[in-house]
Structure formats: structure tokens, C-alpha cells
Amino acid sequence: MDSKFATDFAAEWIAAWNAHDLSRVLSHYTEDFEMSSPKIVQIAGEPSGKLVGKAAVGAYWATALARIADLHFELLAVMRGVDSVVLYYRGAGGQLAAEVFYFNSAGLVCRACANYEA
């Protein structure tokens, strides 16, 4: 994972969310990616906090975007690992979030997990 890939991904991901362009957001993910988040429990009603696949996650994110019409993310930091990137950002209502993205060899996200300020 090089710095340019990580910062380019971060800029595009934030821009896609801030544009509320769900298809653009989903373009960064594999068809069968797995997403975990405590917000999945709240918004999607899935007790495990996990969803698999673009259809399931896309429906969850569409619901979230409809509920939070003024959603805006502010990127605070980008961190890179071997095959992962962590974005630290301020999200809805100013809440701090850190999201971990794991990439496949094609540069698409195959697994992600969101973590929020306690």
C-alpha cells in the first residue's frame, strides 16, 4: 500500500460521500464485500452489525443518506497498512469515526469496518 493510493482513495471516498453519490461510493467496493458497523444495528436492524454484498450495504447506505440529508464528512487523517487504509474523519453530527478498509489485489475494498467515538 503506497501513500499516493491511500491519499487518492481517501480524497475520492470523502468526495463521493459528500456528493451523496451512492453509486460512486459503491464503485470502490467488490460485489461481495463485507461491512461491519454498530450503525448497521441501529439503521438496518441487523443484530450482528455486519452486511455482505453491494445490494445489502447499498440499501443500508441509501437509508442512512435519506435520514441524514445534510451528511458531510471532514477528513482528519489517512493511515496506511500493508493491504489496508484507515480514514479518520468527522462524520454526522460532528461524531469522530475511524474506518478500516481492506483492499484486494485489484485495488477494491473487500472488507471494511467502521468505528465511532464512544
PDB file of N, CA and C in Angstrom:
ATOM      1  N   MET A   1       0.857  -1.169   0.000  1.00  0.00           N
ATOM      2  CA  MET A   1       0.000   0.000   0.000  1.00  0.00           C
ATOM      3  C   MET A   1       0.902   1.231   0.000  1.00  0.00           C
ATOM      4  N   ASP A   2       0.820   2.037  -1.045  1.00  0.00           N
ATOM      5  CA  ASP A   2       1.649   3.243  -1.048  1.00  0.00           C
ATOM      6  C   ASP A   2       0.831   4.467  -0.645  1.00  0.00           C
ATOM      7  N   SER A   3       1.535   5.514  -0.277  1.00  0.00           N
ATOM      8  CA  SER A   3       0.897   6.735   0.227  1.00  0.00           C
ATOM      9  C   SER A   3      -0.028   7.371  -0.795  1.00  0.00           C
ATOM     10  N   LYS A   4       0.374   7.389  -2.060  1.00  0.00           N
ATOM     11  CA  LYS A   4      -0.445   8.027  -3.097  1.00  0.00           C
ATOM     12  C   LYS A   4      -1.783   7.309  -3.244  1.00  0.00           C
ATOM     13  N   PHE A   5      -1.762   5.979  -3.285  1.00  0.00           N
ATOM     14  CA  PHE A   5      -3.010   5.228  -3.383  1.00  0.00           C
ATOM     15  C   PHE A   5      -3.904   5.558  -2.190  1.00  0.00           C
ATOM     16  N   ALA A   6      -3.339   5.538  -0.995  1.00  0.00           N
ATOM     17  CA  ALA A   6      -4.119   5.782   0.223  1.00  0.00           C
ATOM     18  C   ALA A   6      -4.737   7.184   0.217  1.00  0.00           C
ATOM     19  N   THR A   7      -3.960   8.196  -0.123  1.00  0.00           N
ATOM     20  CA  THR A   7      -4.495   9.568  -0.103  1.00  0.00           C
ATOM     21  C   THR A   7      -5.473   9.805  -1.248  1.00  0.00           C
ATOM     22  N   ASP A   8      -5.218   9.208  -2.414  1.00  0.00           N
ATOM     23  CA  ASP A   8      -6.164   9.332  -3.533  1.00  0.00           C
ATOM     24  C   ASP A   8      -7.491   8.653  -3.188  1.00  0.00           C
ATOM     25  N   PHE A   9      -7.424   7.455  -2.609  1.00  0.00           N
ATOM     26  CA  PHE A   9      -8.639   6.763  -2.196  1.00  0.00           C
ATOM     27  C   PHE A   9      -9.405   7.613  -1.190  1.00  0.00           C
ATOM     28  N   ALA A  10      -8.715   8.131  -0.199  1.00  0.00           N
ATOM     29  CA  ALA A  10      -9.366   8.933   0.845  1.00  0.00           C
ATOM     30  C   ALA A  10     -10.084  10.141   0.252  1.00  0.00           C
ATOM     31  N   ALA A  11      -9.401  10.867  -0.622  1.00  0.00           N
ATOM     32  CA  ALA A  11      -9.993  12.071  -1.220  1.00  0.00           C
ATOM     33  C   ALA A  11     -11.233  11.714  -2.035  1.00  0.00           C
ATOM     34  N   GLU A  12     -11.160  10.659  -2.824  1.00  0.00           N
ATOM     35  CA  GLU A  12     -12.294  10.260  -3.667  1.00  0.00           C
ATOM     36  C   GLU A  12     -13.446   9.730  -2.828  1.00  0.00           C
ATOM     37  N   TRP A  13     -13.149   8.936  -1.801  1.00  0.00           N
ATOM     38  CA  TRP A  13     -14.187   8.357  -0.951  1.00  0.00           C
ATOM     39  C   TRP A  13     -14.952   9.460  -0.219  1.00  0.00           C
ATOM     40  N   ILE A  14     -14.211  10.410   0.360  1.00  0.00           N
ATOM     41  CA  ILE A  14     -14.842  11.540   1.058  1.00  0.00           C
ATOM     42  C   ILE A  14     -15.679  12.361   0.081  1.00  0.00           C
ATOM     43  N   ALA A  15     -15.130  12.648  -1.097  1.00  0.00           N
ATOM     44  CA  ALA A  15     -15.852  13.448  -2.099  1.00  0.00           C
ATOM     45  C   ALA A  15     -17.135  12.741  -2.540  1.00  0.00           C
ATOM     46  N   ALA A  16     -17.082  11.430  -2.731  1.00  0.00           N
ATOM     47  CA  ALA A  16     -18.264  10.671  -3.150  1.00  0.00           C
ATOM     48  C   ALA A  16     -19.356  10.738  -2.090  1.00  0.00           C
ATOM     49  N   TRP A  17     -18.974  10.555  -0.823  1.00  0.00           N
ATOM     50  CA  TRP A  17     -19.959  10.659   0.255  1.00  0.00           C
ATOM     51  C   TRP A  17     -20.517  12.074   0.364  1.00  0.00           C
ATOM     52  N   ASN A  18     -19.660  13.063   0.282  1.00  0.00           N
ATOM     53  CA  ASN A  18     -20.128  14.450   0.414  1.00  0.00           C
ATOM     54  C   ASN A  18     -21.012  14.870  -0.751  1.00  0.00           C
ATOM     55  N   ALA A  19     -20.874  14.201  -1.894  1.00  0.00           N
ATOM     56  CA  ALA A  19     -21.752  14.447  -3.043  1.00  0.00           C
ATOM     57  C   ALA A  19     -23.052  13.650  -2.917  1.00  0.00           C
ATOM     58  N   HIS A  20     -23.134  12.782  -1.911  1.00  0.00           N
ATOM     59  CA  HIS A  20     -24.278  11.897  -1.702  1.00  0.00           C
ATOM     60  C   HIS A  20     -24.531  11.037  -2.934  1.00  0.00           C
ATOM     61  N   ASP A  21     -23.435  10.622  -3.573  1.00  0.00           N
ATOM     62  CA  ASP A  21     -23.490   9.832  -4.802  1.00  0.00           C
ATOM     63  C   ASP A  21     -23.219   8.366  -4.458  1.00  0.00           C
ATOM     64  N   LEU A  22     -24.287   7.635  -4.161  1.00  0.00           N
ATOM     65  CA  LEU A  22     -24.157   6.269  -3.679  1.00  0.00           C
ATOM     66  C   LEU A  22     -23.482   5.346  -4.690  1.00  0.00           C
ATOM     67  N   SER A  23     -23.799   5.485  -5.962  1.00  0.00           N
ATOM     68  CA  SER A  23     -23.151   4.610  -6.955  1.00  0.00           C
ATOM     69  C   SER A  23     -21.656   4.891  -7.024  1.00  0.00           C
ATOM     70  N   ARG A  24     -21.273   6.136  -6.858  1.00  0.00           N
ATOM     71  CA  ARG A  24     -19.848   6.499  -6.826  1.00  0.00           C
ATOM     72  C   ARG A  24     -19.170   5.898  -5.595  1.00  0.00           C
ATOM     73  N   VAL A  25     -19.831   5.969  -4.454  1.00  0.00           N
ATOM     74  CA  VAL A  25     -19.281   5.362  -3.235  1.00  0.00           C
ATOM     75  C   VAL A  25     -19.095   3.865  -3.446  1.00  0.00           C
ATOM     76  N   LEU A  26     -20.140   3.197  -3.936  1.00  0.00           N
ATOM     77  CA  LEU A  26     -20.098   1.749  -4.104  1.00  0.00           C
ATOM     78  C   LEU A  26     -19.084   1.287  -5.146  1.00  0.00           C
ATOM     79  N   SER A  27     -18.668   2.177  -6.038  1.00  0.00           N
ATOM     80  CA  SER A  27     -17.699   1.801  -7.077  1.00  0.00           C
ATOM     81  C   SER A  27     -16.338   1.413  -6.502  1.00  0.00           C
ATOM     82  N   HIS A  28     -16.095   1.725  -5.256  1.00  0.00           N
ATOM     83  CA  HIS A  28     -14.813   1.421  -4.606  1.00  0.00           C
ATOM     84  C   HIS A  28     -14.771   0.015  -3.997  1.00  0.00           C
ATOM     85  N   TYR A  29     -15.877  -0.724  -4.086  1.00  0.00           N
ATOM     86  CA  TYR A  29     -16.023  -1.985  -3.371  1.00  0.00           C
ATOM     87  C   TYR A  29     -16.228  -3.161  -4.322  1.00  0.00           C
ATOM     88  N   THR A  30     -15.807  -4.352  -3.873  1.00  0.00           N
ATOM     89  CA  THR A  30     -16.095  -5.573  -4.613  1.00  0.00           C
ATOM     90  C   THR A  30     -17.587  -5.889  -4.470  1.00  0.00           C
ATOM     91  N   GLU A  31     -18.103  -6.736  -5.354  1.00  0.00           N
ATOM     92  CA  GLU A  31     -19.527  -7.103  -5.307  1.00  0.00           C
ATOM     93  C   GLU A  31     -19.898  -7.798  -4.000  1.00  0.00           C
ATOM     94  N   ASP A  32     -18.955  -8.542  -3.430  1.00  0.00           N
ATOM     95  CA  ASP A  32     -19.249  -9.349  -2.245  1.00  0.00           C
ATOM     96  C   ASP A  32     -18.574  -8.823  -0.974  1.00  0.00           C
ATOM     97  N   PHE A  33     -18.284  -7.527  -0.939  1.00  0.00           N
ATOM     98  CA  PHE A  33     -17.570  -7.005   0.230  1.00  0.00           C
ATOM     99  C   PHE A  33     -18.401  -7.122   1.500  1.00  0.00           C
ATOM    100  N   GLU A  34     -17.694  -7.148   2.617  1.00  0.00           N
ATOM    101  CA  GLU A  34     -18.330  -7.232   3.932  1.00  0.00           C
ATOM    102  C   GLU A  34     -18.127  -5.929   4.671  1.00  0.00           C
ATOM    103  N   MET A  35     -19.189  -5.421   5.252  1.00  0.00           N
ATOM    104  CA  MET A  35     -19.144  -4.174   6.014  1.00  0.00           C
ATOM    105  C   MET A  35     -19.619  -4.463   7.422  1.00  0.00           C
ATOM    106  N   SER A  36     -18.885  -3.966   8.406  1.00  0.00           N
ATOM    107  CA  SER A  36     -19.347  -4.078   9.794  1.00  0.00           C
ATOM    108  C   SER A  36     -19.327  -2.693  10.431  1.00  0.00           C
ATOM    109  N   SER A  37     -20.362  -2.440  11.209  1.00  0.00           N
ATOM    110  CA  SER A  37     -20.523  -1.136  11.848  1.00  0.00           C
ATOM    111  C   SER A  37     -21.609  -1.228  12.911  1.00  0.00           C
ATOM    112  N   PRO A  38     -21.422  -0.545  14.032  1.00  0.00           N
ATOM    113  CA  PRO A  38     -22.512  -0.506  15.013  1.00  0.00           C
ATOM    114  C   PRO A  38     -23.743   0.226  14.467  1.00  0.00           C
ATOM    115  N   LYS A  39     -23.561   1.062  13.452  1.00  0.00           N
ATOM    116  CA  LYS A  39     -24.688   1.781  12.847  1.00  0.00           C
ATOM    117  C   LYS A  39     -25.580   0.819  12.055  1.00  0.00           C
ATOM    118  N   ILE A  40     -25.031  -0.300  11.598  1.00  0.00           N
ATOM    119  CA  ILE A  40     -25.833  -1.305  10.893  1.00  0.00           C
ATOM    120  C   ILE A  40     -26.903  -1.854  11.837  1.00  0.00           C
ATOM    121  N   VAL A  41     -26.548  -2.025  13.093  1.00  0.00           N
ATOM    122  CA  VAL A  41     -27.511  -2.495  14.087  1.00  0.00           C
ATOM    123  C   VAL A  41     -28.648  -1.477  14.204  1.00  0.00           C
ATOM    124  N   GLN A  42     -28.295  -0.197  14.323  1.00  0.00           N
ATOM    125  CA  GLN A  42     -29.287   0.867  14.514  1.00  0.00           C
ATOM    126  C   GLN A  42     -30.129   1.110  13.268  1.00  0.00           C
ATOM    127  N   ILE A  43     -29.501   1.233  12.109  1.00  0.00           N
ATOM    128  CA  ILE A  43     -30.198   1.665  10.895  1.00  0.00           C
ATOM    129  C   ILE A  43     -30.803   0.497  10.125  1.00  0.00           C
ATOM    130  N   ALA A  44     -30.052  -0.591   9.976  1.00  0.00           N
ATOM    131  CA  ALA A  44     -30.535  -1.728   9.192  1.00  0.00           C
ATOM    132  C   ALA A  44     -31.239  -2.781  10.050  1.00  0.00           C
ATOM    133  N   GLY A  45     -31.089  -2.672  11.366  1.00  0.00           N
ATOM    134  CA  GLY A  45     -31.721  -3.639  12.249  1.00  0.00           C
ATOM    135  C   GLY A  45     -31.084  -5.011  12.216  1.00  0.00           C
ATOM    136  N   GLU A  46     -29.833  -5.079  11.749  1.00  0.00           N
ATOM    137  CA  GLU A  46     -29.103  -6.354  11.683  1.00  0.00           C
ATOM    138  C   GLU A  46     -28.299  -6.509  12.973  1.00  0.00           C
ATOM    139  N   PRO A  47     -28.712  -7.440  13.875  1.00  0.00           N
ATOM    140  CA  PRO A  47     -28.071  -7.547  15.185  1.00  0.00           C
ATOM    141  C   PRO A  47     -26.580  -7.861  15.161  1.00  0.00           C
ATOM    142  N   SER A  48     -26.095  -8.512  14.095  1.00  0.00           N
ATOM    143  CA  SER A  48     -24.667  -8.850  14.023  1.00  0.00           C
ATOM    144  C   SER A  48     -23.810  -7.630  13.723  1.00  0.00           C
ATOM    145  N   GLY A  49     -24.427  -6.567  13.187  1.00  0.00           N
ATOM    146  CA  GLY A  49     -23.672  -5.387  12.794  1.00  0.00           C
ATOM    147  C   GLY A  49     -22.893  -5.593  11.506  1.00  0.00           C
ATOM    148  N   LYS A  50     -23.199  -6.674  10.758  1.00  0.00           N
ATOM    149  CA  LYS A  50     -22.476  -6.987   9.522  1.00  0.00           C
ATOM    150  C   LYS A  50     -23.446  -7.172   8.366  1.00  0.00           C
ATOM    151  N   LEU A  51     -23.025  -6.701   7.198  1.00  0.00           N
ATOM    152  CA  LEU A  51     -23.758  -6.922   5.955  1.00  0.00           C
ATOM    153  C   LEU A  51     -22.759  -7.368   4.900  1.00  0.00           C
ATOM    154  N   VAL A  52     -23.225  -8.182   3.942  1.00  0.00           N
ATOM    155  CA  VAL A  52     -22.362  -8.663   2.875  1.00  0.00           C
ATOM    156  C   VAL A  52     -22.994  -8.334   1.526  1.00  0.00           C
ATOM    157  N   GLY A  53     -22.179  -7.763   0.635  1.00  0.00           N
ATOM    158  CA  GLY A  53     -22.593  -7.503  -0.735  1.00  0.00           C
ATOM    159  C   GLY A  53     -23.077  -6.086  -0.980  1.00  0.00           C
ATOM    160  N   LYS A  54     -22.882  -5.649  -2.222  1.00  0.00           N
ATOM    161  CA  LYS A  54     -23.261  -4.286  -2.596  1.00  0.00           C
ATOM    162  C   LYS A  54     -24.746  -4.029  -2.432  1.00  0.00           C
ATOM    163  N   ALA A  55     -25.589  -5.011  -2.741  1.00  0.00           N
ATOM    164  CA  ALA A  55     -27.031  -4.791  -2.631  1.00  0.00           C
ATOM    165  C   ALA A  55     -27.429  -4.502  -1.189  1.00  0.00           C
ATOM    166  N   ALA A  56     -26.966  -5.335  -0.266  1.00  0.00           N
ATOM    167  CA  ALA A  56     -27.330  -5.161   1.147  1.00  0.00           C
ATOM    168  C   ALA A  56     -26.736  -3.888   1.729  1.00  0.00           C
ATOM    169  N   VAL A  57     -25.462  -3.657   1.478  1.00  0.00           N
ATOM    170  CA  VAL A  57     -24.820  -2.463   2.030  1.00  0.00           C
ATOM    171  C   VAL A  57     -25.357  -1.208   1.350  1.00  0.00           C
ATOM    172  N   GLY A  58     -25.594  -1.289   0.042  1.00  0.00           N
ATOM    173  CA  GLY A  58     -26.151  -0.152  -0.682  1.00  0.00           C
ATOM    174  C   GLY A  58     -27.512   0.255  -0.141  1.00  0.00           C
ATOM    175  N   ALA A  59     -28.362  -0.715   0.182  1.00  0.00           N
ATOM    176  CA  ALA A  59     -29.679  -0.416   0.765  1.00  0.00           C
ATOM    177  C   ALA A  59     -29.525   0.255   2.126  1.00  0.00           C
ATOM    178  N   TYR A  60     -28.611  -0.248   2.931  1.00  0.00           N
ATOM    179  CA  TYR A  60     -28.332   0.346   4.250  1.00  0.00           C
ATOM    180  C   TYR A  60     -27.841   1.781   4.088  1.00  0.00           C
ATOM    181  N   TRP A  61     -26.891   2.000   3.186  1.00  0.00           N
ATOM    182  CA  TRP A  61     -26.368   3.354   2.994  1.00  0.00           C
ATOM    183  C   TRP A  61     -27.410   4.290   2.400  1.00  0.00           C
ATOM    184  N   ALA A  62     -28.273   3.790   1.525  1.00  0.00           N
ATOM    185  CA  ALA A  62     -29.345   4.621   0.966  1.00  0.00           C
ATOM    186  C   ALA A  62     -30.280   5.096   2.074  1.00  0.00           C
ATOM    187  N   THR A  63     -30.592   4.210   3.003  1.00  0.00           N
ATOM    188  CA  THR A  63     -31.430   4.579   4.143  1.00  0.00           C
ATOM    189  C   THR A  63     -30.733   5.633   5.000  1.00  0.00           C
ATOM    190  N   ALA A  64     -29.444   5.444   5.248  1.00  0.00           N
ATOM    191  CA  ALA A  64     -28.682   6.409   6.049  1.00  0.00           C
ATOM    192  C   ALA A  64     -28.655   7.775   5.370  1.00  0.00           C
ATOM    193  N   LEU A  65     -28.425   7.802   4.062  1.00  0.00           N
ATOM    194  CA  LEU A  65     -28.395   9.085   3.342  1.00  0.00           C
ATOM    195  C   LEU A  65     -29.755   9.772   3.371  1.00  0.00           C
ATOM    196  N   ALA A  66     -30.827   9.007   3.296  1.00  0.00           N
ATOM    197  CA  ALA A  66     -32.172   9.586   3.352  1.00  0.00           C
ATOM    198  C   ALA A  66     -32.462  10.179   4.731  1.00  0.00           C
ATOM    199  N   ARG A  67     -31.957   9.528   5.768  1.00  0.00           N
ATOM    200  CA  ARG A  67     -32.177  10.004   7.140  1.00  0.00           C
ATOM    201  C   ARG A  67     -31.322  11.217   7.492  1.00  0.00           C
ATOM    202  N   ILE A  68     -30.156  11.303   6.877  1.00  0.00           N
ATOM    203  CA  ILE A  68     -29.212  12.385   7.212  1.00  0.00           C
ATOM    204  C   ILE A  68     -28.965  13.190   5.936  1.00  0.00           C
ATOM    205  N   ALA A  69     -29.919  14.031   5.601  1.00  0.00           N
ATOM    206  CA  ALA A  69     -29.879  14.770   4.333  1.00  0.00           C
ATOM    207  C   ALA A  69     -28.670  15.700   4.219  1.00  0.00           C
ATOM    208  N   ASP A  70     -28.172  16.181   5.344  1.00  0.00           N
ATOM    209  CA  ASP A  70     -27.037  17.105   5.314  1.00  0.00           C
ATOM    210  C   ASP A  70     -25.709  16.417   5.643  1.00  0.00           C
ATOM    211  N   LEU A  71     -25.637  15.113   5.413  1.00  0.00           N
ATOM    212  CA  LEU A  71     -24.421  14.353   5.720  1.00  0.00           C
ATOM    213  C   LEU A  71     -23.196  14.986   5.073  1.00  0.00           C
ATOM    214  N   HIS A  72     -22.164  15.174   5.868  1.00  0.00           N
ATOM    215  CA  HIS A  72     -20.903  15.724   5.373  1.00  0.00           C
ATOM    216  C   HIS A  72     -19.777  15.134   6.213  1.00  0.00           C
ATOM    217  N   PHE A  73     -18.746  14.640   5.526  1.00  0.00           N
ATOM    218  CA  PHE A  73     -17.576  14.097   6.206  1.00  0.00           C
ATOM    219  C   PHE A  73     -16.409  15.065   6.062  1.00  0.00           C
ATOM    220  N   GLU A  74     -15.644  15.193   7.134  1.00  0.00           N
ATOM    221  CA  GLU A  74     -14.424  16.015   7.123  1.00  0.00           C
ATOM    222  C   GLU A  74     -13.246  15.086   7.428  1.00  0.00           C
ATOM    223  N   LEU A  75     -12.380  14.904   6.450  1.00  0.00           N
ATOM    224  CA  LEU A  75     -11.231  14.028   6.617  1.00  0.00           C
ATOM    225  C   LEU A  75     -10.214  14.661   7.562  1.00  0.00           C
ATOM    226  N   LEU A  76      -9.795  13.896   8.556  1.00  0.00           N
ATOM    227  CA  LEU A  76      -8.820  14.383   9.536  1.00  0.00           C
ATOM    228  C   LEU A  76      -7.448  13.739   9.356  1.00  0.00           C
ATOM    229  N   ALA A  77      -7.431  12.462   8.969  1.00  0.00           N
ATOM    230  CA  ALA A  77      -6.149  11.768   8.793  1.00  0.00           C
ATOM    231  C   ALA A  77      -6.341  10.529   7.936  1.00  0.00           C
ATOM    232  N   VAL A  78      -5.261  10.161   7.243  1.00  0.00           N
ATOM    233  CA  VAL A  78      -5.213   8.939   6.433  1.00  0.00           C
ATOM    234  C   VAL A  78      -4.032   8.128   6.932  1.00  0.00           C
ATOM    235  N   MET A  79      -4.273   6.853   7.223  1.00  0.00           N
ATOM    236  CA  MET A  79      -3.206   5.959   7.667  1.00  0.00           C
ATOM    237  C   MET A  79      -3.205   4.741   6.765  1.00  0.00           C
ATOM    238  N   ARG A  80      -2.019   4.214   6.477  1.00  0.00           N
ATOM    239  CA  ARG A  80      -1.935   3.064   5.581  1.00  0.00           C
ATOM    240  C   ARG A  80      -1.244   1.903   6.269  1.00  0.00           C
ATOM    241  N   GLY A  81      -1.643   0.715   5.845  1.00  0.00           N
ATOM    242  CA  GLY A  81      -1.039  -0.516   6.333  1.00  0.00           C
ATOM    243  C   GLY A  81      -0.509  -1.310   5.162  1.00  0.00           C
ATOM    244  N   VAL A  82      -0.422  -2.612   5.315  1.00  0.00           N
ATOM    245  CA  VAL A  82       0.083  -3.476   4.252  1.00  0.00           C
ATOM    246  C   VAL A  82      -0.926  -3.565   3.111  1.00  0.00           C
ATOM    247  N   ASP A  83      -2.153  -3.911   3.443  1.00  0.00           N
ATOM    248  CA  ASP A  83      -3.214  -4.008   2.432  1.00  0.00           C
ATOM    249  C   ASP A  83      -4.466  -3.268   2.892  1.00  0.00           C
ATOM    250  N   SER A  84      -4.262  -2.268   3.728  1.00  0.00           N
ATOM    251  CA  SER A  84      -5.394  -1.550   4.308  1.00  0.00           C
ATOM    252  C   SER A  84      -5.120  -0.057   4.418  1.00  0.00           C
ATOM    253  N   VAL A  85      -6.222   0.673   4.549  1.00  0.00           N
ATOM    254  CA  VAL A  85      -6.184   2.121   4.766  1.00  0.00           C
ATOM    255  C   VAL A  85      -7.170   2.425   5.890  1.00  0.00           C
ATOM    256  N   VAL A  86      -6.802   3.331   6.765  1.00  0.00           N
ATOM    257  CA  VAL A  86      -7.708   3.808   7.801  1.00  0.00           C
ATOM    258  C   VAL A  86      -7.966   5.286   7.542  1.00  0.00           C
ATOM    259  N   LEU A  87      -9.249   5.629   7.490  1.00  0.00           N
ATOM    260  CA  LEU A  87      -9.633   7.031   7.383  1.00  0.00           C
ATOM    261  C   LEU A  87     -10.203   7.461   8.723  1.00  0.00           C
ATOM    262  N   TYR A  88      -9.651   8.534   9.231  1.00  0.00           N
ATOM    263  CA  TYR A  88     -10.121   9.126  10.479  1.00  0.00           C
ATOM    264  C   TYR A  88     -10.826  10.407  10.076  1.00  0.00           C
ATOM    265  N   TYR A  89     -12.099  10.517  10.419  1.00  0.00           N
ATOM    266  CA  TYR A  89     -12.878  11.651   9.933  1.00  0.00           C
ATOM    267  C   TYR A  89     -13.952  12.057  10.928  1.00  0.00           C
ATOM    268  N   ARG A  90     -14.472  13.250  10.699  1.00  0.00           N
ATOM    269  CA  ARG A  90     -15.604  13.746  11.473  1.00  0.00           C
ATOM    270  C   ARG A  90     -16.831  13.531  10.606  1.00  0.00           C
ATOM    271  N   GLY A  91     -17.817  12.850  11.165  1.00  0.00           N
ATOM    272  CA  GLY A  91     -18.996  12.494  10.391  1.00  0.00           C
ATOM    273  C   GLY A  91     -20.241  13.220  10.841  1.00  0.00           C
ATOM    274  N   ALA A  92     -21.359  12.531  10.732  1.00  0.00           N
ATOM    275  CA  ALA A  92     -22.670  13.104  11.052  1.00  0.00           C
ATOM    276  C   ALA A  92     -22.691  13.650  12.473  1.00  0.00           C
ATOM    277  N   GLY A  93     -23.182  14.853  12.604  1.00  0.00           N
ATOM    278  CA  GLY A  93     -23.281  15.475  13.922  1.00  0.00           C
ATOM    279  C   GLY A  93     -21.944  15.767  14.569  1.00  0.00           C
ATOM    280  N   GLY A  94     -20.866  15.742  13.793  1.00  0.00           N
ATOM    281  CA  GLY A  94     -19.539  16.013  14.336  1.00  0.00           C
ATOM    282  C   GLY A  94     -18.897  14.829  15.030  1.00  0.00           C
ATOM    283  N   GLN A  95     -19.542  13.657  14.961  1.00  0.00           N
ATOM    284  CA  GLN A  95     -19.006  12.470  15.625  1.00  0.00           C
ATOM    285  C   GLN A  95     -17.716  12.009  14.942  1.00  0.00           C
ATOM    286  N   LEU A  96     -16.725  11.666  15.749  1.00  0.00           N
ATOM    287  CA  LEU A  96     -15.468  11.144  15.214  1.00  0.00           C
ATOM    288  C   LEU A  96     -15.640   9.686  14.802  1.00  0.00           C
ATOM    289  N   ALA A  97     -15.016   9.340  13.678  1.00  0.00           N
ATOM    290  CA  ALA A  97     -15.090   7.978  13.159  1.00  0.00           C
ATOM    291  C   ALA A  97     -13.733   7.574  12.594  1.00  0.00           C
ATOM    292  N   ALA A  98     -13.457   6.293  12.673  1.00  0.00           N
ATOM    293  CA  ALA A  98     -12.287   5.705  12.024  1.00  0.00           C
ATOM    294  C   ALA A  98     -12.794   4.495  11.262  1.00  0.00           C
ATOM    295  N   GLU A  99     -12.493   4.456   9.980  1.00  0.00           N
ATOM    296  CA  GLU A  99     -12.965   3.355   9.149  1.00  0.00           C
ATOM    297  C   GLU A  99     -11.753   2.650   8.558  1.00  0.00           C
ATOM    298  N   VAL A 100     -11.748   1.324   8.673  1.00  0.00           N
ATOM    299  CA  VAL A 100     -10.660   0.499   8.163  1.00  0.00           C
ATOM    300  C   VAL A 100     -11.138  -0.167   6.881  1.00  0.00           C
ATOM    301  N   PHE A 101     -10.346  -0.035   5.815  1.00  0.00           N
ATOM    302  CA  PHE A 101     -10.664  -0.606   4.515  1.00  0.00           C
ATOM    303  C   PHE A 101      -9.576  -1.610   4.139  1.00  0.00           C
ATOM    304  N   TYR A 102      -9.970  -2.835   3.812  1.00  0.00           N
ATOM    305  CA  TYR A 102      -9.042  -3.855   3.346  1.00  0.00           C
ATOM    306  C   TYR A 102      -9.244  -4.014   1.841  1.00  0.00           C
ATOM    307  N   PHE A 103      -8.142  -4.001   1.096  1.00  0.00           N
ATOM    308  CA  PHE A 103      -8.179  -3.998  -0.370  1.00  0.00           C
ATOM    309  C   PHE A 103      -7.738  -5.329  -0.952  1.00  0.00           C
ATOM    310  N   ASN A 104      -8.347  -5.681  -2.082  1.00  0.00           N
ATOM    311  CA  ASN A 104      -7.896  -6.859  -2.824  1.00  0.00           C
ATOM    312  C   ASN A 104      -6.784  -6.436  -3.789  1.00  0.00           C
ATOM    313  N   SER A 105      -6.296  -7.377  -4.580  1.00  0.00           N
ATOM    314  CA  SER A 105      -5.182  -7.089  -5.487  1.00  0.00           C
ATOM    315  C   SER A 105      -5.572  -6.143  -6.623  1.00  0.00           C
ATOM    316  N   ALA A 106      -6.866  -5.982  -6.881  1.00  0.00           N
ATOM    317  CA  ALA A 106      -7.339  -5.063  -7.924  1.00  0.00           C
ATOM    318  C   ALA A 106      -7.543  -3.641  -7.392  1.00  0.00           C
ATOM    319  N   GLY A 107      -7.274  -3.444  -6.103  1.00  0.00           N
ATOM    320  CA  GLY A 107      -7.415  -2.114  -5.514  1.00  0.00           C
ATOM    321  C   GLY A 107      -8.829  -1.763  -5.100  1.00  0.00           C
ATOM    322  N   LEU A 108      -9.679  -2.781  -4.944  1.00  0.00           N
ATOM    323  CA  LEU A 108     -11.046  -2.556  -4.484  1.00  0.00           C
ATOM    324  C   LEU A 108     -11.184  -3.012  -3.036  1.00  0.00           C
ATOM    325  N   VAL A 109     -12.093  -2.383  -2.326  1.00  0.00           N
ATOM    326  CA  VAL A 109     -12.332  -2.727  -0.928  1.00  0.00           C
ATOM    327  C   VAL A 109     -13.117  -4.036  -0.876  1.00  0.00           C
ATOM    328  N   CYS A 110     -12.567  -5.013  -0.144  1.00  0.00           N
ATOM    329  CA  CYS A 110     -13.250  -6.299   0.022  1.00  0.00           C
ATOM    330  C   CYS A 110     -13.837  -6.454   1.419  1.00  0.00           C
ATOM    331  N   ARG A 111     -13.376  -5.631   2.353  1.00  0.00           N
ATOM    332  CA  ARG A 111     -13.903  -5.666   3.722  1.00  0.00           C
ATOM    333  C   ARG A 111     -13.661  -4.306   4.350  1.00  0.00           C
ATOM    334  N   ALA A 112     -14.619  -3.844   5.119  1.00  0.00           N
ATOM    335  CA  ALA A 112     -14.472  -2.562   5.814  1.00  0.00           C
ATOM    336  C   ALA A 112     -15.167  -2.630   7.159  1.00  0.00           C
ATOM    337  N   CYS A 113     -14.641  -1.892   8.104  1.00  0.00           N
ATOM    338  CA  CYS A 113     -15.306  -1.797   9.397  1.00  0.00           C
ATOM    339  C   CYS A 113     -15.218  -0.356   9.898  1.00  0.00           C
ATOM    340  N   ALA A 114     -16.345   0.122  10.378  1.00  0.00           N
ATOM    341  CA  ALA A 114     -16.449   1.487  10.873  1.00  0.00           C
ATOM    342  C   ALA A 114     -16.461   1.466  12.402  1.00  0.00           C
ATOM    343  N   ASN A 115     -15.757   2.418  12.978  1.00  0.00           N
ATOM    344  CA  ASN A 115     -15.666   2.564  14.421  1.00  0.00           C
ATOM    345  C   ASN A 115     -15.981   4.014  14.761  1.00  0.00           C
ATOM    346  N   TYR A 116     -16.727   4.203  15.860  1.00  0.00           N
ATOM    347  CA  TYR A 116     -17.177   5.540  16.209  1.00  0.00           C
ATOM    348  C   TYR A 116     -16.760   5.917  17.616  1.00  0.00           C
ATOM    349  N   GLU A 117     -16.641   7.202  17.813  1.00  0.00           N
ATOM    350  CA  GLU A 117     -16.293   7.766  19.108  1.00  0.00           C
ATOM    351  C   GLU A 117     -17.269   7.228  20.166  1.00  0.00           C
ATOM    352  N   ALA A 118     -16.717   6.798  21.281  1.00  0.00           N
ATOM    353  CA  ALA A 118     -17.550   6.234  22.355  1.00  0.00           C
ATOM    354  C   ALA A 118     -18.334   7.318  23.064  1.00  0.00           C
TER     355      ALA A 118
END
